[in-house]
Amino acid sequence: MTDTKDRINEAFEMIDLELSRLQSREVVSAVEASDLLLDLRLLLMQIESVEDPVSIST
């Protein structure tokens, strides 16, 4: 559960950092927006894999 909270906090930190960086700009490139969204998606995928571990049957 702690790992999940850490990942969520990391995602919030990333959002806050990028919002503060981009807030003063009038134009943001599609590449920058896609990079941020992909980074957030990867963080969320890591949360999902921690909560739903794959069971190996032997």
C-alpha atoms as a PDB file:
ATOM      1  CA  MET A   1       0.000   0.000   0.000  1.00  0.00           C
ATOM      2  CA  THR A   2       2.881   2.357   0.747  1.00  0.00           C
ATOM      3  CA  ASP A   3       4.270   1.835  -2.742  1.00  0.00           C
ATOM      4  CA  THR A   4       0.904   2.817  -4.200  1.00  0.00           C
ATOM      5  CA  LYS A   5       0.818   6.018  -2.149  1.00  0.00           C
ATOM      6  CA  ASP A   6       4.408   6.770  -3.163  1.00  0.00           C
ATOM      7  CA  ARG A   7       3.530   6.379  -6.842  1.00  0.00           C
ATOM      8  CA  ILE A   8       0.454   8.568  -6.505  1.00  0.00           C
ATOM      9  CA  ASN A   9       2.482  11.243  -4.714  1.00  0.00           C
ATOM     10  CA  GLU A  10       5.135  10.994  -7.436  1.00  0.00           C
ATOM     11  CA  ALA A  11       2.442  11.538 -10.082  1.00  0.00           C
ATOM     12  CA  PHE A  12       1.115  14.581  -8.206  1.00  0.00           C
ATOM     13  CA  GLU A  13       4.623  15.993  -7.889  1.00  0.00           C
ATOM     14  CA  MET A  14       5.184  15.518 -11.617  1.00  0.00           C
ATOM     15  CA  ILE A  15       1.897  17.250 -12.430  1.00  0.00           C
ATOM     16  CA  ASP A  16       2.661  20.159 -10.098  1.00  0.00           C
ATOM     17  CA  LEU A  17       6.168  20.578 -11.475  1.00  0.00           C
ATOM     18  CA  GLU A  18       5.052  20.563 -15.088  1.00  0.00           C
ATOM     19  CA  LEU A  19       2.094  22.847 -14.439  1.00  0.00           C
ATOM     20  CA  SER A  20       4.336  25.423 -12.777  1.00  0.00           C
ATOM     21  CA  ARG A  21       6.838  25.137 -15.630  1.00  0.00           C
ATOM     22  CA  LEU A  22       4.223  25.475 -18.368  1.00  0.00           C
ATOM     23  CA  GLN A  23       1.950  27.990 -16.651  1.00  0.00           C
ATOM     24  CA  SER A  24       3.874  31.037 -17.852  1.00  0.00           C
ATOM     25  CA  ARG A  25       3.995  29.865 -21.463  1.00  0.00           C
ATOM     26  CA  GLU A  26       1.379  30.689 -24.063  1.00  0.00           C
ATOM     27  CA  VAL A  27       2.159  27.741 -26.335  1.00  0.00           C
ATOM     28  CA  VAL A  28       3.001  24.180 -25.363  1.00  0.00           C
ATOM     29  CA  SER A  29       4.058  21.725 -28.031  1.00  0.00           C
ATOM     30  CA  ALA A  30       2.161  18.515 -28.604  1.00  0.00           C
ATOM     31  CA  VAL A  31       5.371  16.590 -27.934  1.00  0.00           C
ATOM     32  CA  GLU A  32       5.706  18.128 -24.463  1.00  0.00           C
ATOM     33  CA  ALA A  33       2.073  17.347 -23.648  1.00  0.00           C
ATOM     34  CA  SER A  34       2.410  13.774 -24.926  1.00  0.00           C
ATOM     35  CA  ASP A  35       5.609  13.208 -22.946  1.00  0.00           C
ATOM     36  CA  LEU A  36       3.921  14.322 -19.741  1.00  0.00           C
ATOM     37  CA  LEU A  37       0.866  12.159 -20.364  1.00  0.00           C
ATOM     38  CA  LEU A  38       3.020   9.131 -21.197  1.00  0.00           C
ATOM     39  CA  ASP A  39       5.099   9.613 -18.035  1.00  0.00           C
ATOM     40  CA  LEU A  40       1.927   9.779 -15.950  1.00  0.00           C
ATOM     41  CA  ARG A  41       0.538   6.718 -17.706  1.00  0.00           C
ATOM     42  CA  LEU A  42       3.691   4.749 -16.889  1.00  0.00           C
ATOM     43  CA  LEU A  43       3.443   5.726 -13.223  1.00  0.00           C
ATOM     44  CA  LEU A  44      -0.183   4.643 -13.093  1.00  0.00           C
ATOM     45  CA  MET A  45       0.611   1.353 -14.827  1.00  0.00           C
ATOM     46  CA  GLN A  46       3.200   0.647 -12.122  1.00  0.00           C
ATOM     47  CA  ILE A  47       0.522   1.171  -9.458  1.00  0.00           C
ATOM     48  CA  GLU A  48      -1.775  -1.247 -11.240  1.00  0.00           C
ATOM     49  CA  SER A  49       0.925  -3.930 -11.423  1.00  0.00           C
ATOM     50  CA  VAL A  50       1.620  -3.596  -7.670  1.00  0.00           C
ATOM     51  CA  GLU A  51      -2.057  -3.938  -6.740  1.00  0.00           C
ATOM     52  CA  ASP A  52      -2.761  -6.863  -9.091  1.00  0.00           C
ATOM     53  CA  PRO A  53       0.249  -9.169  -8.910  1.00  0.00           C
ATOM     54  CA  VAL A  54       0.272 -12.052 -11.334  1.00  0.00           C
ATOM     55  CA  SER A  55      -0.023 -15.425  -9.643  1.00  0.00           C
ATOM     56  CA  ILE A  56       2.128 -18.218 -10.960  1.00  0.00           C
ATOM     57  CA  SER A  57       0.624 -21.683 -10.679  1.00  0.00           C
ATOM     58  CA  THR A  58       2.990 -24.608 -10.357  1.00  0.00           C
END
